[in-house]
Structure formats: structure tokens, C-alpha cells
């Protein structure tokens, strides 16, 4: 049995929440065969706020603004649970 991790995102407004979600998706992208509808529970329109409609959009996300100047920005794929 694998471990299933969950994240609750709390932010002061939608813009900050979208920025945090973009960072999470950039640094910890789901596997390419993940259904994004199961990745975000609740209001899924926040995905559209960061320009994500399908998995190829996650893979094409630009680095978050504060890391553009850094030479190395490592991504960490999530682990499979089952």
C-alpha cells in the first residue's frame, strides 16, 4: 500500500492561490497519465487561472518568476501510490 499525500491550499486571495498552485505544479508535477480532474478537488477553474487545461500545459509551465534567474530549478515527480 502506498502513501497518498494531500494538500490544502489556503491563500488570502485567488491570485495568490493561483500563484501557489502554479509553483506546486511546476516543482511537483503529477505523472503524465494523471487525470487533472482528480488532482484538484473543488473549484477547478483555478487551473485555468494558471493556464492549465490538460497535462501538456503542466509540462509546459514556465519557471516561477523568482526562480528564472537561478541556474538550477529541479522538478520532483510525485510518487506512485498504487
PDB file of N, CA and C in Angstrom:
ATOM      1  N   UNK A   1       0.839  -1.167   0.000  1.00  0.00           N
ATOM      2  CA  UNK A   1       0.000   0.000   0.000  1.00  0.00           C
ATOM      3  C   UNK A   1       0.890   1.238   0.000  1.00  0.00           C
ATOM      4  N   UNK A   2       0.542   2.197  -0.839  1.00  0.00           N
ATOM      5  CA  UNK A   2       1.325   3.424  -0.935  1.00  0.00           C
ATOM      6  C   UNK A   2       0.742   4.520  -0.069  1.00  0.00           C
ATOM      7  N   UNK A   3       1.472   5.573   0.016  1.00  0.00           N
ATOM      8  CA  UNK A   3       1.034   6.736   0.784  1.00  0.00           C
ATOM      9  C   UNK A   3       0.394   7.729  -0.178  1.00  0.00           C
ATOM     10  N   UNK A   4      -0.754   8.240   0.186  1.00  0.00           N
ATOM     11  CA  UNK A   4      -1.421   9.255  -0.620  1.00  0.00           C
ATOM     12  C   UNK A   4      -1.272  10.580   0.113  1.00  0.00           C
ATOM     13  N   UNK A   5      -0.686  11.557  -0.551  1.00  0.00           N
ATOM     14  CA  UNK A   5      -0.474  12.867   0.044  1.00  0.00           C
ATOM     15  C   UNK A   5      -1.554  13.810  -0.437  1.00  0.00           C
ATOM     16  N   UNK A   6      -1.975  14.668   0.407  1.00  0.00           N
ATOM     17  CA  UNK A   6      -2.950  15.678   0.034  1.00  0.00           C
ATOM     18  C   UNK A   6      -2.466  17.035   0.485  1.00  0.00           C
ATOM     19  N   UNK A   7      -2.909  18.046  -0.200  1.00  0.00           N
ATOM     20  CA  UNK A   7      -2.524  19.402   0.137  1.00  0.00           C
ATOM     21  C   UNK A   7      -3.785  20.244   0.208  1.00  0.00           C
ATOM     22  N   UNK A   8      -3.893  21.032   1.248  1.00  0.00           N
ATOM     23  CA  UNK A   8      -4.958  22.018   1.339  1.00  0.00           C
ATOM     24  C   UNK A   8      -4.320  23.368   1.101  1.00  0.00           C
ATOM     25  N   UNK A   9      -4.828  24.074   0.128  1.00  0.00           N
ATOM     26  CA  UNK A   9      -4.259  25.356  -0.249  1.00  0.00           C
ATOM     27  C   UNK A   9      -5.108  26.473   0.352  1.00  0.00           C
ATOM     28  N   UNK A  10      -4.485  27.282   1.184  1.00  0.00           N
ATOM     29  CA  UNK A  10      -5.164  28.418   1.794  1.00  0.00           C
ATOM     30  C   UNK A  10      -4.365  29.670   1.432  1.00  0.00           C
ATOM     31  N   UNK A  11      -5.051  30.638   0.848  1.00  0.00           N
ATOM     32  CA  UNK A  11      -4.379  31.870   0.437  1.00  0.00           C
ATOM     33  C   UNK A  11      -5.306  33.056   0.692  1.00  0.00           C
ATOM     34  N   UNK A  12      -4.716  34.238   0.754  1.00  0.00           N
ATOM     35  CA  UNK A  12      -5.515  35.426   1.068  1.00  0.00           C
ATOM     36  C   UNK A  12      -6.438  35.841  -0.067  1.00  0.00           C
ATOM     37  N   UNK A  13      -6.088  35.481  -1.304  1.00  0.00           N
ATOM     38  CA  UNK A  13      -6.978  35.769  -2.428  1.00  0.00           C
ATOM     39  C   UNK A  13      -6.680  34.789  -3.571  1.00  0.00           C
ATOM     40  N   UNK A  14      -7.493  34.861  -4.589  1.00  0.00           N
ATOM     41  CA  UNK A  14      -7.400  33.907  -5.703  1.00  0.00           C
ATOM     42  C   UNK A  14      -6.075  34.049  -6.468  1.00  0.00           C
ATOM     43  N   UNK A  15      -5.576  35.273  -6.613  1.00  0.00           N
ATOM     44  CA  UNK A  15      -4.315  35.490  -7.335  1.00  0.00           C
ATOM     45  C   UNK A  15      -3.160  34.787  -6.626  1.00  0.00           C
ATOM     46  N   UNK A  16      -3.103  34.922  -5.320  1.00  0.00           N
ATOM     47  CA  UNK A  16      -2.053  34.256  -4.539  1.00  0.00           C
ATOM     48  C   UNK A  16      -2.226  32.739  -4.606  1.00  0.00           C
ATOM     49  N   UNK A  17      -3.472  32.277  -4.526  1.00  0.00           N
ATOM     50  CA  UNK A  17      -3.741  30.840  -4.615  1.00  0.00           C
ATOM     51  C   UNK A  17      -3.298  30.289  -5.967  1.00  0.00           C
ATOM     52  N   UNK A  18      -3.573  31.017  -7.037  1.00  0.00           N
ATOM     53  CA  UNK A  18      -3.164  30.578  -8.373  1.00  0.00           C
ATOM     54  C   UNK A  18      -1.639  30.518  -8.482  1.00  0.00           C
ATOM     55  N   UNK A  19      -0.973  31.516  -7.897  1.00  0.00           N
ATOM     56  CA  UNK A  19       0.489  31.537  -7.913  1.00  0.00           C
ATOM     57  C   UNK A  19       1.062  30.338  -7.157  1.00  0.00           C
ATOM     58  N   UNK A  20       0.492  30.036  -5.988  1.00  0.00           N
ATOM     59  CA  UNK A  20       0.955  28.878  -5.216  1.00  0.00           C
ATOM     60  C   UNK A  20       0.707  27.570  -5.966  1.00  0.00           C
ATOM     61  N   UNK A  21      -0.466  27.457  -6.597  1.00  0.00           N
ATOM     62  CA  UNK A  21      -0.771  26.249  -7.364  1.00  0.00           C
ATOM     63  C   UNK A  21       0.182  26.090  -8.537  1.00  0.00           C
ATOM     64  N   UNK A  22       0.496  27.176  -9.214  1.00  0.00           N
ATOM     65  CA  UNK A  22       1.439  27.115 -10.335  1.00  0.00           C
ATOM     66  C   UNK A  22       2.809  26.628  -9.851  1.00  0.00           C
ATOM     67  N   UNK A  23       3.248  27.133  -8.712  1.00  0.00           N
ATOM     68  CA  UNK A  23       4.535  26.696  -8.160  1.00  0.00           C
ATOM     69  C   UNK A  23       4.515  25.208  -7.799  1.00  0.00           C
ATOM     70  N   UNK A  24       3.420  24.778  -7.176  1.00  0.00           N
ATOM     71  CA  UNK A  24       3.304  23.354  -6.833  1.00  0.00           C
ATOM     72  C   UNK A  24       3.341  22.483  -8.076  1.00  0.00           C
ATOM     73  N   UNK A  25       2.594  22.881  -9.099  1.00  0.00           N
ATOM     74  CA  UNK A  25       2.567  22.092 -10.336  1.00  0.00           C
ATOM     75  C   UNK A  25       3.913  22.112 -11.046  1.00  0.00           C
ATOM     76  N   UNK A  26       4.630  23.221 -10.967  1.00  0.00           N
ATOM     77  CA  UNK A  26       5.931  23.301 -11.613  1.00  0.00           C
ATOM     78  C   UNK A  26       6.958  22.413 -10.902  1.00  0.00           C
ATOM     79  N   UNK A  27       7.047  22.548  -9.590  1.00  0.00           N
ATOM     80  CA  UNK A  27       8.060  21.806  -8.843  1.00  0.00           C
ATOM     81  C   UNK A  27       7.686  20.356  -8.574  1.00  0.00           C
ATOM     82  N   UNK A  28       6.403  20.067  -8.476  1.00  0.00           N
ATOM     83  CA  UNK A  28       5.941  18.711  -8.193  1.00  0.00           C
ATOM     84  C   UNK A  28       4.853  18.309  -9.187  1.00  0.00           C
ATOM     85  N   UNK A  29       5.209  18.213 -10.470  1.00  0.00           N
ATOM     86  CA  UNK A  29       4.185  17.894 -11.469  1.00  0.00           C
ATOM     87  C   UNK A  29       3.672  16.465 -11.289  1.00  0.00           C
ATOM     88  N   UNK A  30       2.381  16.266 -11.526  1.00  0.00           N
ATOM     89  CA  UNK A  30       1.854  14.901 -11.465  1.00  0.00           C
ATOM     90  C   UNK A  30       2.378  14.095 -12.649  1.00  0.00           C
ATOM     91  N   UNK A  31       2.238  12.793 -12.567  1.00  0.00           N
ATOM     92  CA  UNK A  31       2.646  11.945 -13.699  1.00  0.00           C
ATOM     93  C   UNK A  31       1.827  12.299 -14.924  1.00  0.00           C
ATOM     94  N   UNK A  32       2.394  12.064 -16.088  1.00  0.00           N
ATOM     95  CA  UNK A  32       1.760  12.480 -17.335  1.00  0.00           C
ATOM     96  C   UNK A  32       0.412  11.808 -17.590  1.00  0.00           C
ATOM     97  N   UNK A  33       0.153  10.671 -16.959  1.00  0.00           N
ATOM     98  CA  UNK A  33      -1.133   9.995 -17.174  1.00  0.00           C
ATOM     99  C   UNK A  33      -2.160  10.330 -16.088  1.00  0.00           C
ATOM    100  N   UNK A  34      -1.870  11.344 -15.273  1.00  0.00           N
ATOM    101  CA  UNK A  34      -2.780  11.754 -14.205  1.00  0.00           C
ATOM    102  C   UNK A  34      -3.955  12.538 -14.780  1.00  0.00           C
ATOM    103  N   UNK A  35      -5.145  12.229 -14.315  1.00  0.00           N
ATOM    104  CA  UNK A  35      -6.348  12.978 -14.686  1.00  0.00           C
ATOM    105  C   UNK A  35      -6.396  14.229 -13.819  1.00  0.00           C
ATOM    106  N   UNK A  36      -6.262  15.387 -14.430  1.00  0.00           N
ATOM    107  CA  UNK A  36      -6.243  16.639 -13.662  1.00  0.00           C
ATOM    108  C   UNK A  36      -7.532  16.870 -12.887  1.00  0.00           C
ATOM    109  N   UNK A  37      -8.644  16.288 -13.339  1.00  0.00           N
ATOM    110  CA  UNK A  37      -9.903  16.440 -12.601  1.00  0.00           C
ATOM    111  C   UNK A  37      -9.830  15.770 -11.239  1.00  0.00           C
ATOM    112  N   UNK A  38      -8.964  14.781 -11.086  1.00  0.00           N
ATOM    113  CA  UNK A  38      -8.813  14.139  -9.786  1.00  0.00           C
ATOM    114  C   UNK A  38      -7.684  14.787  -8.975  1.00  0.00           C
ATOM    115  N   UNK A  39      -6.908  15.631  -9.606  1.00  0.00           N
ATOM    116  CA  UNK A  39      -5.773  16.271  -8.945  1.00  0.00           C
ATOM    117  C   UNK A  39      -6.213  17.473  -8.121  1.00  0.00           C
ATOM    118  N   UNK A  40      -7.223  18.193  -8.598  1.00  0.00           N
ATOM    119  CA  UNK A  40      -7.765  19.346  -7.886  1.00  0.00           C
ATOM    120  C   UNK A  40      -9.212  19.043  -7.545  1.00  0.00           C
ATOM    121  N   UNK A  41      -9.544  19.132  -6.277  1.00  0.00           N
ATOM    122  CA  UNK A  41     -10.904  18.882  -5.816  1.00  0.00           C
ATOM    123  C   UNK A  41     -11.549  20.232  -5.517  1.00  0.00           C
ATOM    124  N   UNK A  42     -12.767  20.397  -5.941  1.00  0.00           N
ATOM    125  CA  UNK A  42     -13.462  21.662  -5.705  1.00  0.00           C
ATOM    126  C   UNK A  42     -13.455  22.510  -6.960  1.00  0.00           C
ATOM    127  N   UNK A  43     -13.186  23.791  -6.806  1.00  0.00           N
ATOM    128  CA  UNK A  43     -13.225  24.742  -7.911  1.00  0.00           C
ATOM    129  C   UNK A  43     -12.016  24.532  -8.823  1.00  0.00           C
ATOM    130  N   UNK A  44     -12.238  23.874  -9.939  1.00  0.00           N
ATOM    131  CA  UNK A  44     -11.153  23.554 -10.871  1.00  0.00           C
ATOM    132  C   UNK A  44     -10.807  24.725 -11.801  1.00  0.00           C
ATOM    133  N   UNK A  45     -11.583  25.801 -11.744  1.00  0.00           N
ATOM    134  CA  UNK A  45     -11.291  26.935 -12.622  1.00  0.00           C
ATOM    135  C   UNK A  45      -9.972  27.612 -12.253  1.00  0.00           C
ATOM    136  N   UNK A  46      -9.483  27.353 -11.071  1.00  0.00           N
ATOM    137  CA  UNK A  46      -8.187  27.928 -10.675  1.00  0.00           C
ATOM    138  C   UNK A  46      -7.061  27.367 -11.551  1.00  0.00           C
ATOM    139  N   UNK A  47      -7.248  26.153 -12.075  1.00  0.00           N
ATOM    140  CA  UNK A  47      -6.267  25.611 -13.023  1.00  0.00           C
ATOM    141  C   UNK A  47      -6.191  26.490 -14.268  1.00  0.00           C
ATOM    142  N   UNK A  48      -7.333  26.959 -14.730  1.00  0.00           N
ATOM    143  CA  UNK A  48      -7.361  27.827 -15.903  1.00  0.00           C
ATOM    144  C   UNK A  48      -6.687  29.156 -15.611  1.00  0.00           C
ATOM    145  N   UNK A  49      -6.749  29.609 -14.359  1.00  0.00           N
ATOM    146  CA  UNK A  49      -6.084  30.855 -13.972  1.00  0.00           C
ATOM    147  C   UNK A  49      -4.578  30.786 -14.181  1.00  0.00           C
ATOM    148  N   UNK A  50      -4.015  29.591 -14.079  1.00  0.00           N
ATOM    149  CA  UNK A  50      -2.571  29.435 -14.281  1.00  0.00           C
ATOM    150  C   UNK A  50      -2.262  28.886 -15.678  1.00  0.00           C
ATOM    151  N   UNK A  51      -3.297  28.799 -16.531  1.00  0.00           N
ATOM    152  CA  UNK A  51      -3.086  28.377 -17.913  1.00  0.00           C
ATOM    153  C   UNK A  51      -3.035  26.881 -18.113  1.00  0.00           C
ATOM    154  N   UNK A  52      -3.636  26.127 -17.197  1.00  0.00           N
ATOM    155  CA  UNK A  52      -3.591  24.666 -17.290  1.00  0.00           C
ATOM    156  C   UNK A  52      -4.979  24.126 -17.610  1.00  0.00           C
ATOM    157  N   UNK A  53      -5.076  23.440 -18.755  1.00  0.00           N
ATOM    158  CA  UNK A  53      -6.329  22.781 -19.134  1.00  0.00           C
ATOM    159  C   UNK A  53      -6.134  21.275 -19.245  1.00  0.00           C
ATOM    160  N   UNK A  54      -4.905  20.862 -19.536  1.00  0.00           N
ATOM    161  CA  UNK A  54      -4.586  19.441 -19.641  1.00  0.00           C
ATOM    162  C   UNK A  54      -3.121  19.227 -19.259  1.00  0.00           C
ATOM    163  N   UNK A  55      -2.704  17.974 -19.179  1.00  0.00           N
ATOM    164  CA  UNK A  55      -1.361  17.653 -18.675  1.00  0.00           C
ATOM    165  C   UNK A  55      -0.243  18.303 -19.482  1.00  0.00           C
ATOM    166  N   UNK A  56      -0.418  18.440 -20.786  1.00  0.00           N
ATOM    167  CA  UNK A  56       0.654  19.057 -21.587  1.00  0.00           C
ATOM    168  C   UNK A  56       0.900  20.500 -21.148  1.00  0.00           C
ATOM    169  N   UNK A  57      -0.147  21.150 -20.622  1.00  0.00           N
ATOM    170  CA  UNK A  57       0.014  22.514 -20.108  1.00  0.00           C
ATOM    171  C   UNK A  57       0.858  22.533 -18.840  1.00  0.00           C
ATOM    172  N   UNK A  58       0.723  21.509 -18.007  1.00  0.00           N
ATOM    173  CA  UNK A  58       1.539  21.408 -16.786  1.00  0.00           C
ATOM    174  C   UNK A  58       3.000  21.245 -17.181  1.00  0.00           C
ATOM    175  N   UNK A  59       3.250  20.400 -18.171  1.00  0.00           N
ATOM    176  CA  UNK A  59       4.629  20.147 -18.605  1.00  0.00           C
ATOM    177  C   UNK A  59       5.254  21.379 -19.252  1.00  0.00           C
ATOM    178  N   UNK A  60       4.429  22.298 -19.765  1.00  0.00           N
ATOM    179  CA  UNK A  60       4.936  23.497 -20.431  1.00  0.00           C
ATOM    180  C   UNK A  60       4.961  24.728 -19.524  1.00  0.00           C
ATOM    181  N   UNK A  61       4.651  24.562 -18.238  1.00  0.00           N
ATOM    182  CA  UNK A  61       4.653  25.714 -17.329  1.00  0.00           C
ATOM    183  C   UNK A  61       6.037  26.351 -17.275  1.00  0.00           C
ATOM    184  N   UNK A  62       6.088  27.676 -17.334  1.00  0.00           N
ATOM    185  CA  UNK A  62       7.382  28.346 -17.187  1.00  0.00           C
ATOM    186  C   UNK A  62       7.806  28.324 -15.726  1.00  0.00           C
ATOM    187  N   UNK A  63       9.093  28.485 -15.470  1.00  0.00           N
ATOM    188  CA  UNK A  63       9.544  28.536 -14.073  1.00  0.00           C
ATOM    189  C   UNK A  63       8.882  29.714 -13.358  1.00  0.00           C
ATOM    190  N   UNK A  64       8.582  29.544 -12.083  1.00  0.00           N
ATOM    191  CA  UNK A  64       8.041  30.668 -11.312  1.00  0.00           C
ATOM    192  C   UNK A  64       8.998  31.857 -11.372  1.00  0.00           C
ATOM    193  N   UNK A  65       8.469  33.047 -11.316  1.00  0.00           N
ATOM    194  CA  UNK A  65       9.253  34.259 -11.542  1.00  0.00           C
ATOM    195  C   UNK A  65      10.487  34.389 -10.666  1.00  0.00           C
ATOM    196  N   UNK A  66      10.433  33.964  -9.424  1.00  0.00           N
ATOM    197  CA  UNK A  66      11.583  34.128  -8.540  1.00  0.00           C
ATOM    198  C   UNK A  66      12.687  33.118  -8.814  1.00  0.00           C
ATOM    199  N   UNK A  67      12.440  32.124  -9.664  1.00  0.00           N
ATOM    200  CA  UNK A  67      13.477  31.139  -9.950  1.00  0.00           C
ATOM    201  C   UNK A  67      14.037  31.273 -11.365  1.00  0.00           C
ATOM    202  N   UNK A  68      13.555  32.235 -12.137  1.00  0.00           N
ATOM    203  CA  UNK A  68      14.051  32.384 -13.511  1.00  0.00           C
ATOM    204  C   UNK A  68      15.548  32.682 -13.540  1.00  0.00           C
ATOM    205  N   UNK A  69      16.050  33.376 -12.530  1.00  0.00           N
ATOM    206  CA  UNK A  69      17.459  33.735 -12.500  1.00  0.00           C
ATOM    207  C   UNK A  69      18.338  32.632 -11.929  1.00  0.00           C
ATOM    208  N   UNK A  70      17.723  31.655 -11.313  1.00  0.00           N
ATOM    209  CA  UNK A  70      18.500  30.557 -10.754  1.00  0.00           C
ATOM    210  C   UNK A  70      18.922  29.612 -11.869  1.00  0.00           C
ATOM    211  N   UNK A  71      20.121  29.105 -11.767  1.00  0.00           N
ATOM    212  CA  UNK A  71      20.642  28.211 -12.801  1.00  0.00           C
ATOM    213  C   UNK A  71      19.934  26.869 -12.758  1.00  0.00           C
ATOM    214  N   UNK A  72      19.673  26.368 -11.584  1.00  0.00           N
ATOM    215  CA  UNK A  72      19.089  25.045 -11.427  1.00  0.00           C
ATOM    216  C   UNK A  72      17.731  25.138 -10.748  1.00  0.00           C
ATOM    217  N   UNK A  73      16.714  24.692 -11.403  1.00  0.00           N
ATOM    218  CA  UNK A  73      15.375  24.595 -10.804  1.00  0.00           C
ATOM    219  C   UNK A  73      14.914  23.162 -11.025  1.00  0.00           C
ATOM    220  N   UNK A  74      15.073  22.331 -10.016  1.00  0.00           N
ATOM    221  CA  UNK A  74      14.762  20.913 -10.157  1.00  0.00           C
ATOM    222  C   UNK A  74      13.294  20.647  -9.935  1.00  0.00           C
ATOM    223  N   UNK A  75      12.773  19.757 -10.782  1.00  0.00           N
ATOM    224  CA  UNK A  75      11.397  19.305 -10.633  1.00  0.00           C
ATOM    225  C   UNK A  75      11.431  17.928  -9.977  1.00  0.00           C
ATOM    226  N   UNK A  76      10.419  17.631  -9.171  1.00  0.00           N
ATOM    227  CA  UNK A  76      10.337  16.348  -8.486  1.00  0.00           C
ATOM    228  C   UNK A  76       8.996  15.705  -8.835  1.00  0.00           C
ATOM    229  N   UNK A  77       9.026  14.650  -9.612  1.00  0.00           N
ATOM    230  CA  UNK A  77       7.791  13.934  -9.938  1.00  0.00           C
ATOM    231  C   UNK A  77       7.220  13.315  -8.683  1.00  0.00           C
ATOM    232  N   UNK A  78       5.904  13.304  -8.576  1.00  0.00           N
ATOM    233  CA  UNK A  78       5.243  12.666  -7.455  1.00  0.00           C
ATOM    234  C   UNK A  78       5.435  11.160  -7.508  1.00  0.00           C
ATOM    235  N   UNK A  79       5.332  10.513  -6.376  1.00  0.00           N
ATOM    236  CA  UNK A  79       5.480   9.073  -6.319  1.00  0.00           C
ATOM    237  C   UNK A  79       4.159   8.401  -6.619  1.00  0.00           C
ATOM    238  N   UNK A  80       4.247   7.233  -7.231  1.00  0.00           N
ATOM    239  CA  UNK A  80       3.057   6.425  -7.479  1.00  0.00           C
ATOM    240  C   UNK A  80       2.618   5.797  -6.186  1.00  0.00           C
ATOM    241  N   UNK A  81       1.339   5.784  -5.933  1.00  0.00           N
ATOM    242  CA  UNK A  81       0.861   5.217  -4.672  1.00  0.00           C
ATOM    243  C   UNK A  81       0.451   3.760  -4.846  1.00  0.00           C
ATOM    244  N   UNK A  82      -0.008   3.380  -6.024  1.00  0.00           N
ATOM    245  CA  UNK A  82      -0.533   2.017  -6.186  1.00  0.00           C
ATOM    246  C   UNK A  82      -0.002   1.364  -7.433  1.00  0.00           C
TER     247      UNK A  82
END
